[in-house]
């Protein structure tokens, strides 16, 4: 029996692919819903060849996500902080001409370089580590609330 040489005709147009290891990472879980939507908008503008040159202004992000410009700027900086994107070209009012910021997706290769994957080294900010518990214990001991020797 021969191979089937038919393509799926129902998939037309462009689409986005998000790897499971990225979606399940600590950096993505630490983002709120608006940050994820801004990330999806940046990912939507990636065409496979323009990583490092993905344009999106703060005003465009605010319009697309239906948030204020200040919130959009904070969400973009949050995505940079957790390592999902990096800013490759900044923009501002002192620049000549109307240019927007350009971004790089850190989980895709860029300019013949392998992917940076900086989101993998992100440590979740809401995690309780043993040093935090010992700090709480020592603080409670100094205050004098620990008479029953519970946390020793």
C-alpha atoms as a PDB file:
ATOM      1  CA  UNK A   1       0.000   0.000   0.000  1.00  0.00           C
ATOM      2  CA  UNK A   2       1.381   3.419  -0.943  1.00  0.00           C
ATOM      3  CA  UNK A   3       1.885   6.420   1.288  1.00  0.00           C
ATOM      4  CA  UNK A   4      -0.859   8.934   1.632  1.00  0.00           C
ATOM      5  CA  UNK A   5       0.359  12.164   0.132  1.00  0.00           C
ATOM      6  CA  UNK A   6      -2.489  14.406   1.191  1.00  0.00           C
ATOM      7  CA  UNK A   7      -2.058  17.493   3.278  1.00  0.00           C
ATOM      8  CA  UNK A   8      -4.564  18.630   5.847  1.00  0.00           C
ATOM      9  CA  UNK A   9      -6.532  21.263   3.934  1.00  0.00           C
ATOM     10  CA  UNK A  10      -8.323  22.564   7.035  1.00  0.00           C
ATOM     11  CA  UNK A  11      -5.189  24.289   8.412  1.00  0.00           C
ATOM     12  CA  UNK A  12      -4.910  27.504   6.465  1.00  0.00           C
ATOM     13  CA  UNK A  13      -3.130  30.689   7.351  1.00  0.00           C
ATOM     14  CA  UNK A  14      -0.640  31.347  10.107  1.00  0.00           C
ATOM     15  CA  UNK A  15      -0.624  29.753  13.533  1.00  0.00           C
ATOM     16  CA  UNK A  16       1.318  29.949  16.804  1.00  0.00           C
ATOM     17  CA  UNK A  17       3.043  27.069  18.541  1.00  0.00           C
ATOM     18  CA  UNK A  18       3.907  27.234  22.233  1.00  0.00           C
ATOM     19  CA  UNK A  19       6.032  24.368  23.553  1.00  0.00           C
ATOM     20  CA  UNK A  20       4.646  22.604  26.616  1.00  0.00           C
ATOM     21  CA  UNK A  21       7.884  23.074  28.559  1.00  0.00           C
ATOM     22  CA  UNK A  22       7.518  26.839  28.082  1.00  0.00           C
ATOM     23  CA  UNK A  23       3.838  26.993  29.036  1.00  0.00           C
ATOM     24  CA  UNK A  24       4.455  24.846  32.141  1.00  0.00           C
ATOM     25  CA  UNK A  25       7.583  26.731  33.244  1.00  0.00           C
ATOM     26  CA  UNK A  26       7.834  28.722  36.484  1.00  0.00           C
ATOM     27  CA  UNK A  27       8.286  31.953  34.526  1.00  0.00           C
ATOM     28  CA  UNK A  28       4.975  31.490  32.686  1.00  0.00           C
ATOM     29  CA  UNK A  29       3.132  30.445  35.848  1.00  0.00           C
ATOM     30  CA  UNK A  30       4.389  33.581  37.577  1.00  0.00           C
ATOM     31  CA  UNK A  31       2.867  35.834  34.889  1.00  0.00           C
ATOM     32  CA  UNK A  32      -0.663  37.141  35.248  1.00  0.00           C
ATOM     33  CA  UNK A  33      -3.286  36.919  32.497  1.00  0.00           C
ATOM     34  CA  UNK A  34      -2.512  40.309  30.934  1.00  0.00           C
ATOM     35  CA  UNK A  35       1.206  39.478  30.703  1.00  0.00           C
ATOM     36  CA  UNK A  36       0.371  36.215  28.977  1.00  0.00           C
ATOM     37  CA  UNK A  37      -1.854  37.978  26.455  1.00  0.00           C
ATOM     38  CA  UNK A  38       0.910  40.505  25.691  1.00  0.00           C
ATOM     39  CA  UNK A  39       3.295  37.557  25.252  1.00  0.00           C
ATOM     40  CA  UNK A  40       0.844  35.919  22.855  1.00  0.00           C
ATOM     41  CA  UNK A  41       0.604  39.162  20.865  1.00  0.00           C
ATOM     42  CA  UNK A  42       4.401  39.279  20.513  1.00  0.00           C
ATOM     43  CA  UNK A  43       4.421  35.597  19.569  1.00  0.00           C
ATOM     44  CA  UNK A  44       1.679  36.240  16.987  1.00  0.00           C
ATOM     45  CA  UNK A  45       3.955  38.721  15.215  1.00  0.00           C
ATOM     46  CA  UNK A  46       6.803  36.203  14.977  1.00  0.00           C
ATOM     47  CA  UNK A  47       6.908  34.785  11.437  1.00  0.00           C
ATOM     48  CA  UNK A  48       9.803  32.341  11.802  1.00  0.00           C
ATOM     49  CA  UNK A  49      12.451  34.678  10.418  1.00  0.00           C
ATOM     50  CA  UNK A  50      12.133  37.944  12.345  1.00  0.00           C
ATOM     51  CA  UNK A  51      13.176  36.921  15.874  1.00  0.00           C
ATOM     52  CA  UNK A  52      15.060  39.837  17.401  1.00  0.00           C
ATOM     53  CA  UNK A  53      13.129  42.227  15.158  1.00  0.00           C
ATOM     54  CA  UNK A  54       9.533  41.639  16.327  1.00  0.00           C
ATOM     55  CA  UNK A  55       7.889  45.074  16.506  1.00  0.00           C
ATOM     56  CA  UNK A  56       5.278  45.999  19.109  1.00  0.00           C
ATOM     57  CA  UNK A  57       4.801  49.400  20.651  1.00  0.00           C
ATOM     58  CA  UNK A  58       3.354  49.928  24.112  1.00  0.00           C
ATOM     59  CA  UNK A  59       0.375  51.701  22.564  1.00  0.00           C
ATOM     60  CA  UNK A  60      -0.336  48.759  20.264  1.00  0.00           C
ATOM     61  CA  UNK A  61      -0.053  46.334  23.169  1.00  0.00           C
ATOM     62  CA  UNK A  62      -2.444  48.456  25.218  1.00  0.00           C
ATOM     63  CA  UNK A  63      -4.988  48.530  22.377  1.00  0.00           C
ATOM     64  CA  UNK A  64      -4.746  44.799  21.650  1.00  0.00           C
ATOM     65  CA  UNK A  65      -5.018  43.691  25.284  1.00  0.00           C
ATOM     66  CA  UNK A  66      -7.484  46.451  26.272  1.00  0.00           C
ATOM     67  CA  UNK A  67      -5.363  47.808  29.126  1.00  0.00           C
ATOM     68  CA  UNK A  68      -3.772  51.193  29.784  1.00  0.00           C
ATOM     69  CA  UNK A  69      -0.389  52.173  28.337  1.00  0.00           C
ATOM     70  CA  UNK A  70       1.247  52.152  31.755  1.00  0.00           C
ATOM     71  CA  UNK A  71      -0.059  48.667  32.504  1.00  0.00           C
ATOM     72  CA  UNK A  72       1.083  47.437  29.085  1.00  0.00           C
ATOM     73  CA  UNK A  73       4.564  48.801  29.766  1.00  0.00           C
ATOM     74  CA  UNK A  74       4.623  47.048  33.161  1.00  0.00           C
ATOM     75  CA  UNK A  75       3.513  43.757  31.590  1.00  0.00           C
ATOM     76  CA  UNK A  76       6.248  43.970  28.943  1.00  0.00           C
ATOM     77  CA  UNK A  77       8.871  44.624  31.622  1.00  0.00           C
ATOM     78  CA  UNK A  78       7.488  41.684  33.613  1.00  0.00           C
ATOM     79  CA  UNK A  79       7.977  39.425  30.562  1.00  0.00           C
ATOM     80  CA  UNK A  80      11.560  40.660  30.276  1.00  0.00           C
ATOM     81  CA  UNK A  81      12.128  40.060  34.007  1.00  0.00           C
ATOM     82  CA  UNK A  82      10.928  36.448  33.872  1.00  0.00           C
ATOM     83  CA  UNK A  83      13.025  35.799  30.758  1.00  0.00           C
ATOM     84  CA  UNK A  84      10.363  35.075  28.137  1.00  0.00           C
ATOM     85  CA  UNK A  85      11.373  37.983  25.880  1.00  0.00           C
ATOM     86  CA  UNK A  86      14.216  40.457  25.585  1.00  0.00           C
ATOM     87  CA  UNK A  87      14.186  43.981  24.180  1.00  0.00           C
ATOM     88  CA  UNK A  88      16.569  44.251  21.237  1.00  0.00           C
ATOM     89  CA  UNK A  89      15.744  47.795  20.124  1.00  0.00           C
ATOM     90  CA  UNK A  90      14.370  50.380  22.496  1.00  0.00           C
ATOM     91  CA  UNK A  91      12.257  53.316  21.510  1.00  0.00           C
ATOM     92  CA  UNK A  92      11.384  56.705  22.925  1.00  0.00           C
ATOM     93  CA  UNK A  93      10.332  60.235  22.173  1.00  0.00           C
ATOM     94  CA  UNK A  94      13.911  61.409  21.775  1.00  0.00           C
ATOM     95  CA  UNK A  95      14.475  59.114  18.789  1.00  0.00           C
ATOM     96  CA  UNK A  96      14.135  60.518  15.310  1.00  0.00           C
ATOM     97  CA  UNK A  97      11.360  58.933  13.319  1.00  0.00           C
ATOM     98  CA  UNK A  98       8.501  56.787  14.542  1.00  0.00           C
ATOM     99  CA  UNK A  99       9.941  53.494  15.634  1.00  0.00           C
ATOM    100  CA  UNK A 100       8.562  50.955  18.053  1.00  0.00           C
ATOM    101  CA  UNK A 101      10.393  48.597  20.364  1.00  0.00           C
ATOM    102  CA  UNK A 102      11.631  45.349  18.903  1.00  0.00           C
ATOM    103  CA  UNK A 103      11.682  42.097  20.826  1.00  0.00           C
ATOM    104  CA  UNK A 104      13.304  38.693  20.769  1.00  0.00           C
ATOM    105  CA  UNK A 105      11.612  35.483  21.888  1.00  0.00           C
ATOM    106  CA  UNK A 106      14.180  33.744  24.053  1.00  0.00           C
ATOM    107  CA  UNK A 107      12.971  30.217  23.251  1.00  0.00           C
ATOM    108  CA  UNK A 108      13.589  30.549  19.487  1.00  0.00           C
ATOM    109  CA  UNK A 109      16.976  30.850  17.755  1.00  0.00           C
ATOM    110  CA  UNK A 110      17.932  34.332  16.597  1.00  0.00           C
ATOM    111  CA  UNK A 111      20.511  35.546  14.045  1.00  0.00           C
ATOM    112  CA  UNK A 112      22.077  32.100  13.545  1.00  0.00           C
ATOM    113  CA  UNK A 113      22.540  31.744  17.321  1.00  0.00           C
ATOM    114  CA  UNK A 114      20.845  29.069  19.416  1.00  0.00           C
ATOM    115  CA  UNK A 115      17.914  29.959  21.658  1.00  0.00           C
ATOM    116  CA  UNK A 116      18.857  31.700  24.906  1.00  0.00           C
ATOM    117  CA  UNK A 117      16.160  29.967  27.019  1.00  0.00           C
ATOM    118  CA  UNK A 118      16.574  32.506  29.833  1.00  0.00           C
ATOM    119  CA  UNK A 119      13.131  31.617  31.151  1.00  0.00           C
ATOM    120  CA  UNK A 120      14.512  28.283  32.390  1.00  0.00           C
ATOM    121  CA  UNK A 121      16.794  29.977  34.926  1.00  0.00           C
ATOM    122  CA  UNK A 122      13.965  32.050  36.439  1.00  0.00           C
ATOM    123  CA  UNK A 123      13.169  31.314  40.082  1.00  0.00           C
ATOM    124  CA  UNK A 124       9.563  31.783  41.111  1.00  0.00           C
ATOM    125  CA  UNK A 125       9.176  34.777  43.406  1.00  0.00           C
ATOM    126  CA  UNK A 126       6.295  33.366  45.478  1.00  0.00           C
ATOM    127  CA  UNK A 127       8.062  30.210  46.592  1.00  0.00           C
ATOM    128  CA  UNK A 128       8.726  29.690  50.283  1.00  0.00           C
ATOM    129  CA  UNK A 129      12.296  28.626  50.803  1.00  0.00           C
ATOM    130  CA  UNK A 130      13.757  27.254  54.049  1.00  0.00           C
ATOM    131  CA  UNK A 131      15.709  30.449  54.717  1.00  0.00           C
ATOM    132  CA  UNK A 132      12.416  32.370  54.728  1.00  0.00           C
ATOM    133  CA  UNK A 133      10.956  29.962  57.268  1.00  0.00           C
ATOM    134  CA  UNK A 134      14.006  30.299  59.487  1.00  0.00           C
ATOM    135  CA  UNK A 135      13.766  34.087  59.216  1.00  0.00           C
ATOM    136  CA  UNK A 136      10.144  33.941  60.370  1.00  0.00           C
ATOM    137  CA  UNK A 137      11.088  31.591  63.208  1.00  0.00           C
ATOM    138  CA  UNK A 138      13.927  33.862  64.377  1.00  0.00           C
ATOM    139  CA  UNK A 139      11.684  36.938  64.194  1.00  0.00           C
ATOM    140  CA  UNK A 140       9.013  35.239  66.273  1.00  0.00           C
ATOM    141  CA  UNK A 141      11.639  34.169  68.808  1.00  0.00           C
ATOM    142  CA  UNK A 142      12.912  37.731  69.156  1.00  0.00           C
ATOM    143  CA  UNK A 143       9.410  39.053  69.718  1.00  0.00           C
ATOM    144  CA  UNK A 144       8.897  36.471  72.417  1.00  0.00           C
ATOM    145  CA  UNK A 145       5.789  34.772  71.081  1.00  0.00           C
ATOM    146  CA  UNK A 146       7.453  31.394  70.982  1.00  0.00           C
ATOM    147  CA  UNK A 147       7.127  30.187  74.569  1.00  0.00           C
ATOM    148  CA  UNK A 148       5.916  26.712  73.670  1.00  0.00           C
ATOM    149  CA  UNK A 149       9.001  25.734  71.644  1.00  0.00           C
ATOM    150  CA  UNK A 150       6.887  24.797  68.600  1.00  0.00           C
ATOM    151  CA  UNK A 151       9.327  25.613  65.776  1.00  0.00           C
ATOM    152  CA  UNK A 152      12.541  24.433  67.362  1.00  0.00           C
END
